Amino acid sequence: MCLTIPARIAEIIPGPLPMARIEVAGRTEQCCLAYTPEAVVGDHVLVRTGFAVELLDPQAAAESLAAFAELGLLPPGED
C-alpha cells in the first residue's frame, strides 16, 4: 500500500519537467509537478511516488499531517 503524504512546496526547480523541492516531516525532497502545474511556492500538495497529485488547502494539509503524527507515522508538529 502507498500513502499520499502532504508536503509544502519550498522551491520550484526549472527544467524540462516541472519539479519542486518539498518539505515534509523535517525533510527536504524533490517531486514532479507534471500533474499539478498550477502549484506555486508555499502551496501544499499530496505527494505519491515522487509526483504531486493534488493541491491541498493549508487546513486540510495540517489535519492530514496531524493524523499521520497521531498514528506515529510522522513526528508531532512537523509539516
PDB file of N, CA and C in Angstrom:
ATOM      1  N   MET A   1       0.840  -1.179   0.000  1.00  0.00           N
ATOM      2  CA  MET A   1       0.000   0.000   0.000  1.00  0.00           C
ATOM      3  C   MET A   1       0.882   1.238   0.000  1.00  0.00           C
ATOM      4  N   CYS A   2       0.524   2.229  -0.795  1.00  0.00           N
ATOM      5  CA  CYS A   2       1.233   3.507  -0.846  1.00  0.00           C
ATOM      6  C   CYS A   2       0.368   4.579  -0.189  1.00  0.00           C
ATOM      7  N   LEU A   3       1.009   5.499   0.481  1.00  0.00           N
ATOM      8  CA  LEU A   3       0.317   6.621   1.091  1.00  0.00           C
ATOM      9  C   LEU A   3       0.649   7.894   0.340  1.00  0.00           C
ATOM     10  N   THR A   4      -0.313   8.793   0.247  1.00  0.00           N
ATOM     11  CA  THR A   4      -0.017  10.131  -0.252  1.00  0.00           C
ATOM     12  C   THR A   4       0.248  11.004   0.959  1.00  0.00           C
ATOM     13  N   ILE A   5       1.349  11.727   0.908  1.00  0.00           N
ATOM     14  CA  ILE A   5       1.789  12.500   2.057  1.00  0.00           C
ATOM     15  C   ILE A   5       1.706  13.988   1.735  1.00  0.00           C
ATOM     16  N   PRO A   6       1.080  14.785   2.601  1.00  0.00           N
ATOM     17  CA  PRO A   6       1.038  16.227   2.372  1.00  0.00           C
ATOM     18  C   PRO A   6       2.427  16.843   2.552  1.00  0.00           C
ATOM     19  N   ALA A   7       2.781  17.735   1.652  1.00  0.00           N
ATOM     20  CA  ALA A   7       4.072  18.418   1.724  1.00  0.00           C
ATOM     21  C   ALA A   7       3.892  19.862   1.277  1.00  0.00           C
ATOM     22  N   ARG A   8       4.807  20.734   1.728  1.00  0.00           N
ATOM     23  CA  ARG A   8       4.778  22.145   1.343  1.00  0.00           C
ATOM     24  C   ARG A   8       5.855  22.391   0.307  1.00  0.00           C
ATOM     25  N   ILE A   9       5.514  23.100  -0.756  1.00  0.00           N
ATOM     26  CA  ILE A   9       6.486  23.417  -1.801  1.00  0.00           C
ATOM     27  C   ILE A   9       7.391  24.545  -1.306  1.00  0.00           C
ATOM     28  N   ALA A  10       8.686  24.274  -1.278  1.00  0.00           N
ATOM     29  CA  ALA A  10       9.667  25.260  -0.830  1.00  0.00           C
ATOM     30  C   ALA A  10      10.324  25.984  -2.000  1.00  0.00           C
ATOM     31  N   GLU A  11      10.390  25.313  -3.152  1.00  0.00           N
ATOM     32  CA  GLU A  11      11.068  25.904  -4.298  1.00  0.00           C
ATOM     33  C   GLU A  11      10.598  25.202  -5.569  1.00  0.00           C
ATOM     34  N   ILE A  12      10.440  25.973  -6.627  1.00  0.00           N
ATOM     35  CA  ILE A  12      10.156  25.419  -7.949  1.00  0.00           C
ATOM     36  C   ILE A  12      11.499  25.316  -8.671  1.00  0.00           C
ATOM     37  N   ILE A  13      11.752  24.170  -9.261  1.00  0.00           N
ATOM     38  CA  ILE A  13      13.021  23.927  -9.949  1.00  0.00           C
ATOM     39  C   ILE A  13      12.773  23.957 -11.456  1.00  0.00           C
ATOM     40  N   PRO A  14      13.383  24.921 -12.158  1.00  0.00           N
ATOM     41  CA  PRO A  14      13.166  24.996 -13.599  1.00  0.00           C
ATOM     42  C   PRO A  14      13.804  23.814 -14.330  1.00  0.00           C
ATOM     43  N   GLY A  15      13.222  23.470 -15.454  1.00  0.00           N
ATOM     44  CA  GLY A  15      13.745  22.381 -16.264  1.00  0.00           C
ATOM     45  C   GLY A  15      12.690  21.886 -17.221  1.00  0.00           C
ATOM     46  N   PRO A  16      13.009  20.834 -17.977  1.00  0.00           N
ATOM     47  CA  PRO A  16      12.045  20.326 -18.960  1.00  0.00           C
ATOM     48  C   PRO A  16      10.774  19.754 -18.318  1.00  0.00           C
ATOM     49  N   LEU A  17      10.893  19.213 -17.118  1.00  0.00           N
ATOM     50  CA  LEU A  17       9.731  18.767 -16.339  1.00  0.00           C
ATOM     51  C   LEU A  17       9.572  19.706 -15.157  1.00  0.00           C
ATOM     52  N   PRO A  18       8.337  20.086 -14.823  1.00  0.00           N
ATOM     53  CA  PRO A  18       8.158  20.941 -13.648  1.00  0.00           C
ATOM     54  C   PRO A  18       8.453  20.150 -12.380  1.00  0.00           C
ATOM     55  N   MET A  19       9.437  20.598 -11.628  1.00  0.00           N
ATOM     56  CA  MET A  19       9.856  19.929 -10.397  1.00  0.00           C
ATOM     57  C   MET A  19       9.783  20.904  -9.238  1.00  0.00           C
ATOM     58  N   ALA A  20       9.728  20.358  -8.036  1.00  0.00           N
ATOM     59  CA  ALA A  20       9.705  21.190  -6.830  1.00  0.00           C
ATOM     60  C   ALA A  20      10.551  20.542  -5.751  1.00  0.00           C
ATOM     61  N   ARG A  21      11.111  21.394  -4.904  1.00  0.00           N
ATOM     62  CA  ARG A  21      11.728  20.942  -3.668  1.00  0.00           C
ATOM     63  C   ARG A  21      10.624  21.081  -2.627  1.00  0.00           C
ATOM     64  N   ILE A  22      10.326  19.997  -1.917  1.00  0.00           N
ATOM     65  CA  ILE A  22       9.229  19.980  -0.951  1.00  0.00           C
ATOM     66  C   ILE A  22       9.764  19.693   0.440  1.00  0.00           C
ATOM     67  N   GLU A  23       8.993  20.108   1.439  1.00  0.00           N
ATOM     68  CA  GLU A  23       9.341  19.873   2.840  1.00  0.00           C
ATOM     69  C   GLU A  23       8.222  19.093   3.505  1.00  0.00           C
ATOM     70  N   VAL A  24       8.617  18.019   4.178  1.00  0.00           N
ATOM     71  CA  VAL A  24       7.653  17.221   4.949  1.00  0.00           C
ATOM     72  C   VAL A  24       8.405  16.511   6.067  1.00  0.00           C
ATOM     73  N   ALA A  25       7.848  16.558   7.257  1.00  0.00           N
ATOM     74  CA  ALA A  25       8.418  15.866   8.425  1.00  0.00           C
ATOM     75  C   ALA A  25       9.876  16.234   8.647  1.00  0.00           C
ATOM     76  N   GLY A  26      10.218  17.511   8.431  1.00  0.00           N
ATOM     77  CA  GLY A  26      11.575  17.965   8.683  1.00  0.00           C
ATOM     78  C   GLY A  26      12.574  17.563   7.617  1.00  0.00           C
ATOM     79  N   ARG A  27      12.109  16.976   6.544  1.00  0.00           N
ATOM     80  CA  ARG A  27      12.989  16.542   5.460  1.00  0.00           C
ATOM     81  C   ARG A  27      12.692  17.340   4.204  1.00  0.00           C
ATOM     82  N   THR A  28      13.700  17.440   3.349  1.00  0.00           N
ATOM     83  CA  THR A  28      13.541  18.074   2.047  1.00  0.00           C
ATOM     84  C   THR A  28      13.706  17.017   0.980  1.00  0.00           C
ATOM     85  N   GLU A  29      12.762  16.967   0.063  1.00  0.00           N
ATOM     86  CA  GLU A  29      12.761  16.003  -1.037  1.00  0.00           C
ATOM     87  C   GLU A  29      12.441  16.753  -2.320  1.00  0.00           C
ATOM     88  N   GLN A  30      12.445  16.033  -3.434  1.00  0.00           N
ATOM     89  CA  GLN A  30      12.004  16.593  -4.694  1.00  0.00           C
ATOM     90  C   GLN A  30      10.806  15.800  -5.200  1.00  0.00           C
ATOM     91  N   CYS A  31       9.948  16.485  -5.947  1.00  0.00           N
ATOM     92  CA  CYS A  31       8.832  15.796  -6.590  1.00  0.00           C
ATOM     93  C   CYS A  31       8.540  16.475  -7.923  1.00  0.00           C
ATOM     94  N   CYS A  32       7.841  15.764  -8.763  1.00  0.00           N
ATOM     95  CA  CYS A  32       7.453  16.263 -10.076  1.00  0.00           C
ATOM     96  C   CYS A  32       6.088  16.945  -9.967  1.00  0.00           C
ATOM     97  N   LEU A  33       5.950  18.087 -10.637  1.00  0.00           N
ATOM     98  CA  LEU A  33       4.692  18.829 -10.625  1.00  0.00           C
ATOM     99  C   LEU A  33       3.903  18.664 -11.927  1.00  0.00           C
ATOM    100  N   ALA A  34       4.196  17.640 -12.709  1.00  0.00           N
ATOM    101  CA  ALA A  34       3.523  17.450 -14.004  1.00  0.00           C
ATOM    102  C   ALA A  34       2.005  17.382 -13.860  1.00  0.00           C
ATOM    103  N   TYR A  35       1.506  16.803 -12.767  1.00  0.00           N
ATOM    104  CA  TYR A  35       0.061  16.678 -12.563  1.00  0.00           C
ATOM    105  C   TYR A  35      -0.552  17.903 -11.888  1.00  0.00           C
ATOM    106  N   THR A  36       0.293  18.779 -11.345  1.00  0.00           N
ATOM    107  CA  THR A  36      -0.186  19.987 -10.654  1.00  0.00           C
ATOM    108  C   THR A  36       0.638  21.200 -11.101  1.00  0.00           C
ATOM    109  N   PRO A  37       0.625  21.523 -12.396  1.00  0.00           N
ATOM    110  CA  PRO A  37       1.469  22.613 -12.901  1.00  0.00           C
ATOM    111  C   PRO A  37       1.096  23.981 -12.344  1.00  0.00           C
ATOM    112  N   GLU A  38      -0.101  24.110 -11.775  1.00  0.00           N
ATOM    113  CA  GLU A  38      -0.535  25.385 -11.210  1.00  0.00           C
ATOM    114  C   GLU A  38       0.040  25.640  -9.814  1.00  0.00           C
ATOM    115  N   ALA A  39       0.711  24.664  -9.226  1.00  0.00           N
ATOM    116  CA  ALA A  39       1.258  24.794  -7.872  1.00  0.00           C
ATOM    117  C   ALA A  39       2.371  25.860  -7.838  1.00  0.00           C
ATOM    118  N   VAL A  40       2.419  26.587  -6.724  1.00  0.00           N
ATOM    119  CA  VAL A  40       3.431  27.626  -6.524  1.00  0.00           C
ATOM    120  C   VAL A  40       4.087  27.430  -5.160  1.00  0.00           C
ATOM    121  N   VAL A  41       5.196  28.129  -4.947  1.00  0.00           N
ATOM    122  CA  VAL A  41       5.909  28.065  -3.668  1.00  0.00           C
ATOM    123  C   VAL A  41       4.944  28.425  -2.543  1.00  0.00           C
ATOM    124  N   GLY A  42       4.949  27.615  -1.495  1.00  0.00           N
ATOM    125  CA  GLY A  42       4.069  27.810  -0.343  1.00  0.00           C
ATOM    126  C   GLY A  42       2.823  26.953  -0.372  1.00  0.00           C
ATOM    127  N   ASP A  43       2.462  26.442  -1.557  1.00  0.00           N
ATOM    128  CA  ASP A  43       1.306  25.557  -1.656  1.00  0.00           C
ATOM    129  C   ASP A  43       1.582  24.230  -0.964  1.00  0.00           C
ATOM    130  N   HIS A  44       0.516  23.584  -0.533  1.00  0.00           N
ATOM    131  CA  HIS A  44       0.597  22.227  -0.003  1.00  0.00           C
ATOM    132  C   HIS A  44       0.063  21.277  -1.068  1.00  0.00           C
ATOM    133  N   VAL A  45       0.780  20.176  -1.252  1.00  0.00           N
ATOM    134  CA  VAL A  45       0.395  19.178  -2.255  1.00  0.00           C
ATOM    135  C   VAL A  45       0.414  17.796  -1.624  1.00  0.00           C
ATOM    136  N   LEU A  46      -0.377  16.891  -2.193  1.00  0.00           N
ATOM    137  CA  LEU A  46      -0.291  15.480  -1.828  1.00  0.00           C
ATOM    138  C   LEU A  46       0.735  14.853  -2.755  1.00  0.00           C
ATOM    139  N   VAL A  47       1.702  14.138  -2.180  1.00  0.00           N
ATOM    140  CA  VAL A  47       2.777  13.543  -2.963  1.00  0.00           C
ATOM    141  C   VAL A  47       2.677  12.027  -2.887  1.00  0.00           C
ATOM    142  N   ARG A  48       2.728  11.415  -4.057  1.00  0.00           N
ATOM    143  CA  ARG A  48       2.710   9.959  -4.132  1.00  0.00           C
ATOM    144  C   ARG A  48       3.746   9.514  -5.142  1.00  0.00           C
ATOM    145  N   THR A  49       4.629   8.665  -4.714  1.00  0.00           N
ATOM    146  CA  THR A  49       5.701   8.091  -5.537  1.00  0.00           C
ATOM    147  C   THR A  49       6.423   9.153  -6.365  1.00  0.00           C
ATOM    148  N   GLY A  50       6.722  10.271  -5.720  1.00  0.00           N
ATOM    149  CA  GLY A  50       7.517  11.304  -6.368  1.00  0.00           C
ATOM    150  C   GLY A  50       6.744  12.295  -7.214  1.00  0.00           C
ATOM    151  N   PHE A  51       5.421  12.216  -7.222  1.00  0.00           N
ATOM    152  CA  PHE A  51       4.587  13.129  -8.000  1.00  0.00           C
ATOM    153  C   PHE A  51       3.608  13.852  -7.085  1.00  0.00           C
ATOM    154  N   ALA A  52       3.495  15.165  -7.248  1.00  0.00           N
ATOM    155  CA  ALA A  52       2.442  15.919  -6.578  1.00  0.00           C
ATOM    156  C   ALA A  52       1.162  15.639  -7.350  1.00  0.00           C
ATOM    157  N   VAL A  53       0.178  15.020  -6.699  1.00  0.00           N
ATOM    158  CA  VAL A  53      -1.021  14.586  -7.407  1.00  0.00           C
ATOM    159  C   VAL A  53      -2.242  15.464  -7.133  1.00  0.00           C
ATOM    160  N   GLU A  54      -2.161  16.331  -6.120  1.00  0.00           N
ATOM    161  CA  GLU A  54      -3.311  17.185  -5.791  1.00  0.00           C
ATOM    162  C   GLU A  54      -2.866  18.346  -4.926  1.00  0.00           C
ATOM    163  N   LEU A  55      -3.457  19.513  -5.152  1.00  0.00           N
ATOM    164  CA  LEU A  55      -3.238  20.662  -4.278  1.00  0.00           C
ATOM    165  C   LEU A  55      -4.140  20.535  -3.058  1.00  0.00           C
ATOM    166  N   LEU A  56      -3.643  20.967  -1.901  1.00  0.00           N
ATOM    167  CA  LEU A  56      -4.426  20.960  -0.660  1.00  0.00           C
ATOM    168  C   LEU A  56      -4.489  22.366  -0.103  1.00  0.00           C
ATOM    169  N   ASP A  57      -5.592  22.690   0.570  1.00  0.00           N
ATOM    170  CA  ASP A  57      -5.595  23.948   1.298  1.00  0.00           C
ATOM    171  C   ASP A  57      -4.805  23.730   2.588  1.00  0.00           C
ATOM    172  N   PRO A  58      -4.256  24.801   3.169  1.00  0.00           N
ATOM    173  CA  PRO A  58      -3.404  24.648   4.361  1.00  0.00           C
ATOM    174  C   PRO A  58      -4.068  23.919   5.523  1.00  0.00           C
ATOM    175  N   GLN A  59      -5.365  24.145   5.737  1.00  0.00           N
ATOM    176  CA  GLN A  59      -6.050  23.471   6.843  1.00  0.00           C
ATOM    177  C   GLN A  59      -6.129  21.970   6.602  1.00  0.00           C
ATOM    178  N   ALA A  60      -6.460  21.554   5.392  1.00  0.00           N
ATOM    179  CA  ALA A  60      -6.523  20.123   5.072  1.00  0.00           C
ATOM    180  C   ALA A  60      -5.148  19.483   5.230  1.00  0.00           C
ATOM    181  N   ALA A  61      -4.099  20.199   4.811  1.00  0.00           N
ATOM    182  CA  ALA A  61      -2.743  19.676   4.964  1.00  0.00           C
ATOM    183  C   ALA A  61      -2.408  19.495   6.444  1.00  0.00           C
ATOM    184  N   ALA A  62      -2.736  20.491   7.271  1.00  0.00           N
ATOM    185  CA  ALA A  62      -2.454  20.412   8.709  1.00  0.00           C
ATOM    186  C   ALA A  62      -3.207  19.255   9.356  1.00  0.00           C
ATOM    187  N   GLU A  63      -4.472  19.073   8.974  1.00  0.00           N
ATOM    188  CA  GLU A  63      -5.265  17.975   9.532  1.00  0.00           C
ATOM    189  C   GLU A  63      -4.692  16.621   9.135  1.00  0.00           C
ATOM    190  N   SER A  64      -4.272  16.491   7.880  1.00  0.00           N
ATOM    191  CA  SER A  64      -3.677  15.232   7.424  1.00  0.00           C
ATOM    192  C   SER A  64      -2.369  14.940   8.151  1.00  0.00           C
ATOM    193  N   LEU A  65      -1.528  15.967   8.283  1.00  0.00           N
ATOM    194  CA  LEU A  65      -0.256  15.769   8.973  1.00  0.00           C
ATOM    195  C   LEU A  65      -0.474  15.409  10.439  1.00  0.00           C
ATOM    196  N   ALA A  66      -1.470  16.028  11.078  1.00  0.00           N
ATOM    197  CA  ALA A  66      -1.783  15.690  12.470  1.00  0.00           C
ATOM    198  C   ALA A  66      -2.233  14.239  12.586  1.00  0.00           C
ATOM    199  N   ALA A  67      -3.024  13.768  11.624  1.00  0.00           N
ATOM    200  CA  ALA A  67      -3.474  12.372  11.640  1.00  0.00           C
ATOM    201  C   ALA A  67      -2.294  11.423  11.466  1.00  0.00           C
ATOM    202  N   PHE A  68      -1.370  11.748  10.539  1.00  0.00           N
ATOM    203  CA  PHE A  68      -0.179  10.917  10.367  1.00  0.00           C
ATOM    204  C   PHE A  68       0.640  10.880  11.659  1.00  0.00           C
ATOM    205  N   ALA A  69       0.781  12.043  12.326  1.00  0.00           N
ATOM    206  CA  ALA A  69       1.538  12.104  13.578  1.00  0.00           C
ATOM    207  C   ALA A  69       0.846  11.289  14.668  1.00  0.00           C
ATOM    208  N   GLU A  70      -0.484  11.376  14.740  1.00  0.00           N
ATOM    209  CA  GLU A  70      -1.248  10.620  15.733  1.00  0.00           C
ATOM    210  C   GLU A  70      -1.064   9.115  15.548  1.00  0.00           C
ATOM    211  N   LEU A  71      -0.925   8.692  14.309  1.00  0.00           N
ATOM    212  CA  LEU A  71      -0.701   7.281  14.011  1.00  0.00           C
ATOM    213  C   LEU A  71       0.757   6.860  14.206  1.00  0.00           C
ATOM    214  N   GLY A  72       1.607   7.838  14.539  1.00  0.00           N
ATOM    215  CA  GLY A  72       3.023   7.537  14.759  1.00  0.00           C
ATOM    216  C   GLY A  72       3.828   7.467  13.478  1.00  0.00           C
ATOM    217  N   LEU A  73       3.273   7.966  12.374  1.00  0.00           N
ATOM    218  CA  LEU A  73       3.966   7.908  11.093  1.00  0.00           C
ATOM    219  C   LEU A  73       4.820   9.137  10.820  1.00  0.00           C
ATOM    220  N   LEU A  74       4.590  10.208  11.572  1.00  0.00           N
ATOM    221  CA  LEU A  74       5.366  11.453  11.473  1.00  0.00           C
ATOM    222  C   LEU A  74       5.592  11.982  12.879  1.00  0.00           C
ATOM    223  N   PRO A  75       6.670  12.721  13.088  1.00  0.00           N
ATOM    224  CA  PRO A  75       6.845  13.377  14.389  1.00  0.00           C
ATOM    225  C   PRO A  75       5.757  14.410  14.607  1.00  0.00           C
ATOM    226  N   PRO A  76       5.290  14.615  15.840  1.00  0.00           N
ATOM    227  CA  PRO A  76       4.244  15.601  16.114  1.00  0.00           C
ATOM    228  C   PRO A  76       4.702  17.012  15.744  1.00  0.00           C
ATOM    229  N   GLY A  77       3.784  17.815  15.200  1.00  0.00           N
ATOM    230  CA  GLY A  77       4.069  19.200  14.901  1.00  0.00           C
ATOM    231  C   GLY A  77       4.912  19.434  13.665  1.00  0.00           C
ATOM    232  N   GLU A  78       5.242  18.431  12.897  1.00  0.00           N
ATOM    233  CA  GLU A  78       6.049  18.604  11.690  1.00  0.00           C
ATOM    234  C   GLU A  78       5.155  18.811  10.494  1.00  0.00           C
ATOM    235  N   ASP A  79       5.657  19.594   9.504  1.00  0.00           N
ATOM    236  CA  ASP A  79       4.961  19.712   8.224  1.00  0.00           C
ATOM    237  C   ASP A  79       5.945  19.817   7.103  1.00  0.00           C
TER     238      ASP A  79
END
